[in-house]
Amino acid sequence: MPMFVKERFEIMGSPDMTSVSVSFEVRRRLNSLRAMEGVKSIDDLLKSVLKEYRLNRLKVEHDALRIRISNLNEEDIDATISALGLLRD
């Protein structure tokens, strides 16, 4: 189930809110997201969000590795090995 969550940073409530009122506000917002995404529970919603976050992180790492590998084609591998002293005759 793909979820499209826009990153939004907004101040929740006022500085005078207690931890209980912040908890209620967080719960209300999570329930709103759950209803919009059509998932059964907040746990399923959080699992889905974490899964998407982890997949996005893996994609970034994958892209970075792909760039590093493509840069290897431009390097003289034999010269690098010789310079490091890893090649033994």
Protein backbone atom coordinates (compact mmCIF):
# COMPACT_ATOMS: atom_id res chain seq x y z
CA MET A 1 0.00 0.00 0.00
CA PRO A 2 1.85 3.13 -1.15
CA MET A 3 1.54 6.08 1.11
CA PHE A 4 2.34 9.59 0.11
CA VAL A 5 3.19 11.55 3.21
CA LYS A 6 4.35 15.08 2.72
CA GLU A 7 6.89 16.29 5.19
CA ARG A 8 5.34 19.03 7.22
CA PHE A 9 6.89 20.66 10.20
CA GLU A 10 4.48 22.65 12.23
CA ILE A 11 4.31 23.48 15.87
CA MET A 12 1.75 21.28 17.53
CA GLY A 13 -0.47 23.17 19.91
CA SER A 14 0.72 25.98 22.09
CA PRO A 15 3.70 26.20 24.44
CA ASP A 16 1.27 25.99 27.37
CA MET A 17 -0.01 22.53 26.42
CA THR A 18 0.50 19.73 28.91
CA SER A 19 1.89 16.36 27.92
CA VAL A 20 -1.61 14.91 28.17
CA SER A 21 -3.05 17.46 25.75
CA VAL A 22 -0.13 16.90 23.36
CA SER A 23 -0.79 13.15 23.55
CA PHE A 24 -4.44 13.71 22.64
CA GLU A 25 -3.40 15.96 19.75
CA VAL A 26 -0.93 13.36 18.44
CA ARG A 27 -3.56 10.65 18.75
CA ARG A 28 -6.12 12.79 16.91
CA ARG A 29 -3.71 13.45 14.05
CA LEU A 30 -2.68 9.80 13.80
CA ASN A 31 -6.33 8.77 13.65
CA SER A 32 -6.93 11.33 10.90
CA LEU A 33 -4.00 9.93 8.88
CA ARG A 34 -5.21 6.38 9.53
CA ALA A 35 -8.67 7.26 8.21
CA MET A 36 -7.28 9.04 5.13
CA GLU A 37 -5.01 6.10 4.25
CA GLY A 38 -7.72 3.52 4.91
CA VAL A 39 -5.71 1.30 7.26
CA LYS A 40 -7.21 -0.72 10.10
CA SER A 41 -5.12 0.52 12.99
CA ILE A 42 -2.57 3.12 13.98
CA ASP A 43 -0.05 0.29 14.40
CA ASP A 44 -0.54 -0.66 10.74
CA LEU A 45 -0.20 3.00 9.77
CA LEU A 46 3.07 3.37 11.69
CA LYS A 47 4.42 0.11 10.24
CA SER A 48 3.62 1.34 6.75
CA VAL A 49 5.24 4.74 7.37
CA LEU A 50 8.38 3.11 8.80
CA LYS A 51 8.55 0.68 5.89
CA GLU A 52 8.29 3.52 3.38
CA TYR A 53 10.93 5.53 5.26
CA ARG A 54 13.33 2.58 5.30
CA LEU A 55 12.75 1.85 1.61
CA ASN A 56 13.46 5.49 0.76
CA ARG A 57 16.68 5.35 2.79
CA LEU A 58 17.72 2.17 0.97
CA LYS A 59 16.99 3.82 -2.37
CA VAL A 60 19.24 6.75 -1.48
CA GLU A 61 22.03 4.35 -0.46
CA HIS A 62 21.48 2.33 -3.64
CA ASP A 63 21.77 5.44 -5.79
CA ALA A 64 24.94 6.53 -3.97
CA LEU A 65 26.52 3.09 -4.49
CA ARG A 66 25.52 3.08 -8.14
CA ILE A 67 27.29 6.44 -8.61
CA ARG A 68 30.40 5.18 -6.82
CA ILE A 69 30.46 2.03 -8.96
CA SER A 70 30.07 4.04 -12.16
CA ASN A 71 32.97 6.23 -11.03
CA LEU A 72 35.11 3.09 -10.75
CA ASN A 73 34.92 2.73 -14.53
CA GLU A 74 36.84 5.97 -14.81
CA GLU A 75 39.61 4.85 -12.43
CA ASP A 76 42.76 2.96 -13.33
CA ILE A 77 42.28 -0.02 -11.03
CA ASP A 78 45.77 -1.46 -11.61
CA ALA A 79 47.39 1.85 -10.66
CA THR A 80 45.25 2.07 -7.52
CA ILE A 81 46.13 -1.48 -6.48
CA SER A 82 49.82 -0.83 -7.08
CA ALA A 83 49.70 2.39 -5.10
CA LEU A 84 48.07 0.61 -2.19
CA GLY A 85 50.57 -2.23 -2.34
CA LEU A 86 47.87 -4.86 -2.50
CA LEU A 87 49.18 -6.63 -5.58
CA ARG A 88 51.77 -9.29 -4.77
CA ASP A 89 53.67 -11.02 -7.50
